[in-house]
């Protein structure tokens, strides 16, 4: 499963985000996630992909940026 697909699935299923609102350019704030929910969301991602998102890299604007970061961290872990 791609990082973006996973993000979209978790947002829809766990955070009850309307699937029509889940777009690559959407921000987590646009989707109704507050700061605590974002932290929990990052924990979900880290657990799913067995990666660690460094604090200094955890600030991204859009879902597309988040997916790109996750893909990069997965690639680094594999190499």
PDB file of N, CA and C in Angstrom:
ATOM      1  N   UNK A   1       0.847  -1.180   0.000  1.00  0.00           N
ATOM      2  CA  UNK A   1       0.000   0.000   0.000  1.00  0.00           C
ATOM      3  C   UNK A   1       0.891   1.241   0.000  1.00  0.00           C
ATOM      4  N   UNK A   2       0.567   2.186  -0.854  1.00  0.00           N
ATOM      5  CA  UNK A   2       1.348   3.418  -0.907  1.00  0.00           C
ATOM      6  C   UNK A   2       1.062   4.260   0.333  1.00  0.00           C
ATOM      7  N   UNK A   3       1.990   5.137   0.625  1.00  0.00           N
ATOM      8  CA  UNK A   3       1.826   6.009   1.791  1.00  0.00           C
ATOM      9  C   UNK A   3       0.572   6.865   1.636  1.00  0.00           C
ATOM     10  N   UNK A   4       0.364   7.426   0.455  1.00  0.00           N
ATOM     11  CA  UNK A   4      -0.809   8.274   0.253  1.00  0.00           C
ATOM     12  C   UNK A   4      -2.101   7.483   0.453  1.00  0.00           C
ATOM     13  N   UNK A   5      -2.164   6.284  -0.086  1.00  0.00           N
ATOM     14  CA  UNK A   5      -3.362   5.446   0.073  1.00  0.00           C
ATOM     15  C   UNK A   5      -3.632   5.158   1.542  1.00  0.00           C
ATOM     16  N   UNK A   6      -2.558   4.854   2.276  1.00  0.00           N
ATOM     17  CA  UNK A   6      -2.717   4.593   3.703  1.00  0.00           C
ATOM     18  C   UNK A   6      -3.228   5.842   4.423  1.00  0.00           C
ATOM     19  N   UNK A   7      -2.636   6.992   4.140  1.00  0.00           N
ATOM     20  CA  UNK A   7      -3.072   8.234   4.777  1.00  0.00           C
ATOM     21  C   UNK A   7      -4.554   8.481   4.511  1.00  0.00           C
ATOM     22  N   UNK A   8      -4.960   8.320   3.264  1.00  0.00           N
ATOM     23  CA  UNK A   8      -6.358   8.546   2.902  1.00  0.00           C
ATOM     24  C   UNK A   8      -7.273   7.576   3.635  1.00  0.00           C
ATOM     25  N   UNK A   9      -6.869   6.318   3.707  1.00  0.00           N
ATOM     26  CA  UNK A   9      -7.686   5.301   4.381  1.00  0.00           C
ATOM     27  C   UNK A   9      -7.834   5.614   5.874  1.00  0.00           C
ATOM     28  N   UNK A  10      -6.739   5.945   6.526  1.00  0.00           N
ATOM     29  CA  UNK A  10      -6.783   6.247   7.963  1.00  0.00           C
ATOM     30  C   UNK A  10      -7.619   7.495   8.233  1.00  0.00           C
ATOM     31  N   UNK A  11      -7.443   8.510   7.414  1.00  0.00           N
ATOM     32  CA  UNK A  11      -8.220   9.732   7.611  1.00  0.00           C
ATOM     33  C   UNK A  11      -9.717   9.457   7.498  1.00  0.00           C
ATOM     34  N   UNK A  12     -10.100   8.653   6.537  1.00  0.00           N
ATOM     35  CA  UNK A  12     -11.519   8.352   6.343  1.00  0.00           C
ATOM     36  C   UNK A  12     -12.062   7.447   7.442  1.00  0.00           C
ATOM     37  N   UNK A  13     -11.304   6.391   7.785  1.00  0.00           N
ATOM     38  CA  UNK A  13     -11.818   5.394   8.714  1.00  0.00           C
ATOM     39  C   UNK A  13     -11.678   5.796  10.188  1.00  0.00           C
ATOM     40  N   UNK A  14     -10.526   6.270  10.572  1.00  0.00           N
ATOM     41  CA  UNK A  14     -10.278   6.555  11.996  1.00  0.00           C
ATOM     42  C   UNK A  14     -10.698   7.964  12.397  1.00  0.00           C
ATOM     43  N   UNK A  15     -10.537   8.913  11.473  1.00  0.00           N
ATOM     44  CA  UNK A  15     -10.803  10.312  11.812  1.00  0.00           C
ATOM     45  C   UNK A  15     -12.086  10.847  11.173  1.00  0.00           C
ATOM     46  N   UNK A  16     -12.848   9.958  10.535  1.00  0.00           N
ATOM     47  CA  UNK A  16     -14.148  10.296   9.951  1.00  0.00           C
ATOM     48  C   UNK A  16     -14.105  11.498   9.007  1.00  0.00           C
ATOM     49  N   UNK A  17     -13.035  11.605   8.243  1.00  0.00           N
ATOM     50  CA  UNK A  17     -12.928  12.676   7.262  1.00  0.00           C
ATOM     51  C   UNK A  17     -13.690  12.249   6.015  1.00  0.00           C
ATOM     52  N   UNK A  18     -14.485  13.148   5.492  1.00  0.00           N
ATOM     53  CA  UNK A  18     -15.242  12.899   4.270  1.00  0.00           C
ATOM     54  C   UNK A  18     -14.262  12.592   3.131  1.00  0.00           C
ATOM     55  N   UNK A  19     -14.446  11.456   2.488  1.00  0.00           N
ATOM     56  CA  UNK A  19     -13.521  11.027   1.433  1.00  0.00           C
ATOM     57  C   UNK A  19     -13.423  12.041   0.301  1.00  0.00           C
ATOM     58  N   UNK A  20     -14.483  12.798   0.052  1.00  0.00           N
ATOM     59  CA  UNK A  20     -14.444  13.813  -1.009  1.00  0.00           C
ATOM     60  C   UNK A  20     -13.470  14.941  -0.679  1.00  0.00           C
ATOM     61  N   UNK A  21     -13.194  15.155   0.609  1.00  0.00           N
ATOM     62  CA  UNK A  21     -12.276  16.213   1.033  1.00  0.00           C
ATOM     63  C   UNK A  21     -10.820  15.771   1.011  1.00  0.00           C
ATOM     64  N   UNK A  22     -10.584  14.470   0.955  1.00  0.00           N
ATOM     65  CA  UNK A  22      -9.219  13.947   0.993  1.00  0.00           C
ATOM     66  C   UNK A  22      -8.611  14.078  -0.397  1.00  0.00           C
ATOM     67  N   UNK A  23      -7.774  15.078  -0.544  1.00  0.00           N
ATOM     68  CA  UNK A  23      -7.109  15.394  -1.804  1.00  0.00           C
ATOM     69  C   UNK A  23      -5.629  15.621  -1.526  1.00  0.00           C
ATOM     70  N   UNK A  24      -4.756  15.390  -2.499  1.00  0.00           N
ATOM     71  CA  UNK A  24      -3.318  15.569  -2.271  1.00  0.00           C
ATOM     72  C   UNK A  24      -2.946  16.956  -1.758  1.00  0.00           C
ATOM     73  N   UNK A  25      -3.672  17.983  -2.181  1.00  0.00           N
ATOM     74  CA  UNK A  25      -3.328  19.343  -1.773  1.00  0.00           C
ATOM     75  C   UNK A  25      -3.982  19.772  -0.456  1.00  0.00           C
ATOM     76  N   UNK A  26      -4.812  18.922   0.130  1.00  0.00           N
ATOM     77  CA  UNK A  26      -5.489  19.255   1.385  1.00  0.00           C
ATOM     78  C   UNK A  26      -4.499  19.241   2.550  1.00  0.00           C
ATOM     79  N   UNK A  27      -4.683  20.181   3.475  1.00  0.00           N
ATOM     80  CA  UNK A  27      -3.890  20.178   4.696  1.00  0.00           C
ATOM     81  C   UNK A  27      -4.659  19.416   5.772  1.00  0.00           C
ATOM     82  N   UNK A  28      -3.956  18.980   6.807  1.00  0.00           N
ATOM     83  CA  UNK A  28      -4.642  18.280   7.896  1.00  0.00           C
ATOM     84  C   UNK A  28      -5.629  19.211   8.585  1.00  0.00           C
ATOM     85  N   UNK A  29      -5.310  20.493   8.667  1.00  0.00           N
ATOM     86  CA  UNK A  29      -6.248  21.463   9.242  1.00  0.00           C
ATOM     87  C   UNK A  29      -7.499  21.568   8.376  1.00  0.00           C
ATOM     88  N   UNK A  30      -7.323  21.569   7.055  1.00  0.00           N
ATOM     89  CA  UNK A  30      -8.478  21.596   6.142  1.00  0.00           C
ATOM     90  C   UNK A  30      -9.400  20.415   6.394  1.00  0.00           C
ATOM     91  N   UNK A  31      -8.809  19.292   6.817  1.00  0.00           N
ATOM     92  CA  UNK A  31      -9.576  18.066   7.025  1.00  0.00           C
ATOM     93  C   UNK A  31     -10.138  17.956   8.432  1.00  0.00           C
ATOM     94  N   UNK A  32      -9.903  18.983   9.251  1.00  0.00           N
ATOM     95  CA  UNK A  32     -10.508  19.033  10.571  1.00  0.00           C
ATOM     96  C   UNK A  32      -9.686  18.420  11.689  1.00  0.00           C
ATOM     97  N   UNK A  33      -8.414  18.138  11.453  1.00  0.00           N
ATOM     98  CA  UNK A  33      -7.573  17.561  12.499  1.00  0.00           C
ATOM     99  C   UNK A  33      -6.935  18.672  13.319  1.00  0.00           C
ATOM    100  N   UNK A  34      -7.056  18.557  14.633  1.00  0.00           N
ATOM    101  CA  UNK A  34      -6.384  19.510  15.510  1.00  0.00           C
ATOM    102  C   UNK A  34      -4.980  18.988  15.814  1.00  0.00           C
ATOM    103  N   UNK A  35      -4.207  19.738  16.598  1.00  0.00           N
ATOM    104  CA  UNK A  35      -2.807  19.370  16.823  1.00  0.00           C
ATOM    105  C   UNK A  35      -2.654  18.020  17.519  1.00  0.00           C
ATOM    106  N   UNK A  36      -3.530  17.698  18.446  1.00  0.00           N
ATOM    107  CA  UNK A  36      -3.458  16.404  19.128  1.00  0.00           C
ATOM    108  C   UNK A  36      -3.761  15.263  18.151  1.00  0.00           C
ATOM    109  N   UNK A  37      -4.734  15.469  17.298  1.00  0.00           N
ATOM    110  CA  UNK A  37      -5.073  14.459  16.298  1.00  0.00           C
ATOM    111  C   UNK A  37      -3.926  14.257  15.313  1.00  0.00           C
ATOM    112  N   UNK A  38      -3.207  15.319  14.976  1.00  0.00           N
ATOM    113  CA  UNK A  38      -2.077  15.212  14.055  1.00  0.00           C
ATOM    114  C   UNK A  38      -0.982  14.353  14.680  1.00  0.00           C
ATOM    115  N   UNK A  39      -0.723  14.554  15.970  1.00  0.00           N
ATOM    116  CA  UNK A  39       0.285  13.744  16.662  1.00  0.00           C
ATOM    117  C   UNK A  39      -0.127  12.275  16.639  1.00  0.00           C
ATOM    118  N   UNK A  40      -1.379  11.997  16.948  1.00  0.00           N
ATOM    119  CA  UNK A  40      -1.875  10.623  16.925  1.00  0.00           C
ATOM    120  C   UNK A  40      -1.794  10.043  15.512  1.00  0.00           C
ATOM    121  N   UNK A  41      -2.111  10.855  14.530  1.00  0.00           N
ATOM    122  CA  UNK A  41      -2.028  10.451  13.126  1.00  0.00           C
ATOM    123  C   UNK A  41      -0.597  10.054  12.771  1.00  0.00           C
ATOM    124  N   UNK A  42       0.376  10.838  13.214  1.00  0.00           N
ATOM    125  CA  UNK A  42       1.785  10.507  12.952  1.00  0.00           C
ATOM    126  C   UNK A  42       2.188   9.207  13.636  1.00  0.00           C
ATOM    127  N   UNK A  43       1.681   8.972  14.852  1.00  0.00           N
ATOM    128  CA  UNK A  43       1.954   7.701  15.528  1.00  0.00           C
ATOM    129  C   UNK A  43       1.401   6.531  14.722  1.00  0.00           C
ATOM    130  N   UNK A  44       0.205   6.699  14.172  1.00  0.00           N
ATOM    131  CA  UNK A  44      -0.397   5.657  13.331  1.00  0.00           C
ATOM    132  C   UNK A  44       0.506   5.340  12.138  1.00  0.00           C
ATOM    133  N   UNK A  45       1.000   6.395  11.509  1.00  0.00           N
ATOM    134  CA  UNK A  45       1.871   6.235  10.340  1.00  0.00           C
ATOM    135  C   UNK A  45       3.164   5.523  10.727  1.00  0.00           C
ATOM    136  N   UNK A  46       3.770   5.958  11.816  1.00  0.00           N
ATOM    137  CA  UNK A  46       5.018   5.346  12.260  1.00  0.00           C
ATOM    138  C   UNK A  46       4.827   3.865  12.566  1.00  0.00           C
ATOM    139  N   UNK A  47       3.730   3.536  13.215  1.00  0.00           N
ATOM    140  CA  UNK A  47       3.454   2.131  13.535  1.00  0.00           C
ATOM    141  C   UNK A  47       3.219   1.306  12.272  1.00  0.00           C
ATOM    142  N   UNK A  48       2.464   1.840  11.346  1.00  0.00           N
ATOM    143  CA  UNK A  48       2.136   1.108  10.121  1.00  0.00           C
ATOM    144  C   UNK A  48       3.378   0.794   9.291  1.00  0.00           C
ATOM    145  N   UNK A  49       4.263   1.765   9.160  1.00  0.00           N
ATOM    146  CA  UNK A  49       5.416   1.605   8.275  1.00  0.00           C
ATOM    147  C   UNK A  49       6.719   1.318   9.025  1.00  0.00           C
ATOM    148  N   UNK A  50       6.640   1.203  10.336  1.00  0.00           N
ATOM    149  CA  UNK A  50       7.814   0.934  11.172  1.00  0.00           C
ATOM    150  C   UNK A  50       8.939   1.929  10.872  1.00  0.00           C
ATOM    151  N   UNK A  51       8.562   3.197  10.929  1.00  0.00           N
ATOM    152  CA  UNK A  51       9.517   4.282  10.715  1.00  0.00           C
ATOM    153  C   UNK A  51       9.389   5.263  11.865  1.00  0.00           C
ATOM    154  N   UNK A  52      10.318   6.203  11.931  1.00  0.00           N
ATOM    155  CA  UNK A  52      10.229   7.290  12.897  1.00  0.00           C
ATOM    156  C   UNK A  52      10.327   8.595  12.137  1.00  0.00           C
ATOM    157  N   UNK A  53       9.332   9.450  12.327  1.00  0.00           N
ATOM    158  CA  UNK A  53       9.332  10.759  11.685  1.00  0.00           C
ATOM    159  C   UNK A  53      10.038  11.723  12.633  1.00  0.00           C
ATOM    160  N   UNK A  54      11.220  12.219  12.249  1.00  0.00           N
ATOM    161  CA  UNK A  54      11.932  13.155  13.120  1.00  0.00           C
ATOM    162  C   UNK A  54      11.101  14.414  13.358  1.00  0.00           C
ATOM    163  N   UNK A  55      11.168  14.933  14.569  1.00  0.00           N
ATOM    164  CA  UNK A  55      10.373  16.123  14.904  1.00  0.00           C
ATOM    165  C   UNK A  55      10.584  17.260  13.912  1.00  0.00           C
ATOM    166  N   UNK A  56      11.828  17.459  13.508  1.00  0.00           N
ATOM    167  CA  UNK A  56      12.119  18.576  12.598  1.00  0.00           C
ATOM    168  C   UNK A  56      11.559  18.353  11.194  1.00  0.00           C
ATOM    169  N   UNK A  57      11.153  17.134  10.875  1.00  0.00           N
ATOM    170  CA  UNK A  57      10.582  16.833   9.559  1.00  0.00           C
ATOM    171  C   UNK A  57       9.070  16.640   9.625  1.00  0.00           C
ATOM    172  N   UNK A  58       8.498  16.728  10.820  1.00  0.00           N
ATOM    173  CA  UNK A  58       7.084  16.417  11.012  1.00  0.00           C
ATOM    174  C   UNK A  58       6.154  17.560  10.622  1.00  0.00           C
ATOM    175  N   UNK A  59       6.717  18.642  10.146  1.00  0.00           N
ATOM    176  CA  UNK A  59       5.877  19.760   9.738  1.00  0.00           C
ATOM    177  C   UNK A  59       5.776  19.785   8.227  1.00  0.00           C
ATOM    178  N   UNK A  60       4.588  19.495   7.741  1.00  0.00           N
ATOM    179  CA  UNK A  60       4.320  19.487   6.310  1.00  0.00           C
ATOM    180  C   UNK A  60       2.991  20.169   6.098  1.00  0.00           C
ATOM    181  N   UNK A  61       2.783  20.652   4.912  1.00  0.00           N
ATOM    182  CA  UNK A  61       1.568  21.411   4.630  1.00  0.00           C
ATOM    183  C   UNK A  61       0.427  20.543   4.101  1.00  0.00           C
ATOM    184  N   UNK A  62       0.728  19.679   3.150  1.00  0.00           N
ATOM    185  CA  UNK A  62      -0.340  18.955   2.461  1.00  0.00           C
ATOM    186  C   UNK A  62      -0.202  17.444   2.640  1.00  0.00           C
ATOM    187  N   UNK A  63      -1.249  16.738   2.311  1.00  0.00           N
ATOM    188  CA  UNK A  63      -1.198  15.275   2.350  1.00  0.00           C
ATOM    189  C   UNK A  63      -0.147  14.754   1.375  1.00  0.00           C
ATOM    190  N   UNK A  64      -0.027  15.394   0.241  1.00  0.00           N
ATOM    191  CA  UNK A  64       0.970  14.979  -0.734  1.00  0.00           C
ATOM    192  C   UNK A  64       2.385  15.112  -0.153  1.00  0.00           C
ATOM    193  N   UNK A  65       2.651  16.195   0.569  1.00  0.00           N
ATOM    194  CA  UNK A  65       3.954  16.380   1.211  1.00  0.00           C
ATOM    195  C   UNK A  65       4.177  15.322   2.289  1.00  0.00           C
ATOM    196  N   UNK A  66       3.132  15.015   3.040  1.00  0.00           N
ATOM    197  CA  UNK A  66       3.241  13.980   4.082  1.00  0.00           C
ATOM    198  C   UNK A  66       3.552  12.628   3.458  1.00  0.00           C
ATOM    199  N   UNK A  67       2.856  12.295   2.384  1.00  0.00           N
ATOM    200  CA  UNK A  67       3.093  11.016   1.709  1.00  0.00           C
ATOM    201  C   UNK A  67       4.508  10.953   1.144  1.00  0.00           C
ATOM    202  N   UNK A  68       4.993  12.043   0.580  1.00  0.00           N
ATOM    203  CA  UNK A  68       6.354  12.077   0.037  1.00  0.00           C
ATOM    204  C   UNK A  68       7.377  11.872   1.150  1.00  0.00           C
ATOM    205  N   UNK A  69       7.159  12.496   2.295  1.00  0.00           N
ATOM    206  CA  UNK A  69       8.054  12.326   3.442  1.00  0.00           C
ATOM    207  C   UNK A  69       8.061  10.873   3.903  1.00  0.00           C
ATOM    208  N   UNK A  70       6.898  10.276   4.023  1.00  0.00           N
ATOM    209  CA  UNK A  70       6.798   8.883   4.462  1.00  0.00           C
ATOM    210  C   UNK A  70       7.485   7.961   3.461  1.00  0.00           C
ATOM    211  N   UNK A  71       7.234   8.184   2.175  1.00  0.00           N
ATOM    212  CA  UNK A  71       7.899   7.368   1.146  1.00  0.00           C
ATOM    213  C   UNK A  71       9.415   7.491   1.256  1.00  0.00           C
ATOM    214  N   UNK A  72       9.900   8.702   1.500  1.00  0.00           N
ATOM    215  CA  UNK A  72      11.344   8.923   1.646  1.00  0.00           C
ATOM    216  C   UNK A  72      11.896   8.169   2.859  1.00  0.00           C
ATOM    217  N   UNK A  73      11.191   8.241   3.991  1.00  0.00           N
ATOM    218  CA  UNK A  73      11.649   7.560   5.203  1.00  0.00           C
ATOM    219  C   UNK A  73      11.617   6.039   5.048  1.00  0.00           C
ATOM    220  N   UNK A  74      10.632   5.537   4.341  1.00  0.00           N
ATOM    221  CA  UNK A  74      10.559   4.096   4.065  1.00  0.00           C
ATOM    222  C   UNK A  74      11.742   3.680   3.201  1.00  0.00           C
ATOM    223  N   UNK A  75      12.045   4.477   2.175  1.00  0.00           N
ATOM    224  CA  UNK A  75      13.168   4.167   1.289  1.00  0.00           C
ATOM    225  C   UNK A  75      14.493   4.180   2.065  1.00  0.00           C
ATOM    226  N   UNK A  76      14.687   5.168   2.921  1.00  0.00           N
ATOM    227  CA  UNK A  76      15.902   5.265   3.728  1.00  0.00           C
ATOM    228  C   UNK A  76      16.034   4.029   4.620  1.00  0.00           C
ATOM    229  N   UNK A  77      14.944   3.601   5.201  1.00  0.00           N
ATOM    230  CA  UNK A  77      14.966   2.448   6.089  1.00  0.00           C
ATOM    231  C   UNK A  77      15.353   1.181   5.325  1.00  0.00           C
ATOM    232  N   UNK A  78      14.874   1.029   4.108  1.00  0.00           N
ATOM    233  CA  UNK A  78      15.154  -0.154   3.297  1.00  0.00           C
ATOM    234  C   UNK A  78      16.600  -0.211   2.821  1.00  0.00           C
ATOM    235  N   UNK A  79      17.184   0.963   2.589  1.00  0.00           N
ATOM    236  CA  UNK A  79      18.554   1.023   2.033  1.00  0.00           C
ATOM    237  C   UNK A  79      19.606   0.722   3.054  1.00  0.00           C
TER     238      UNK A  79
END
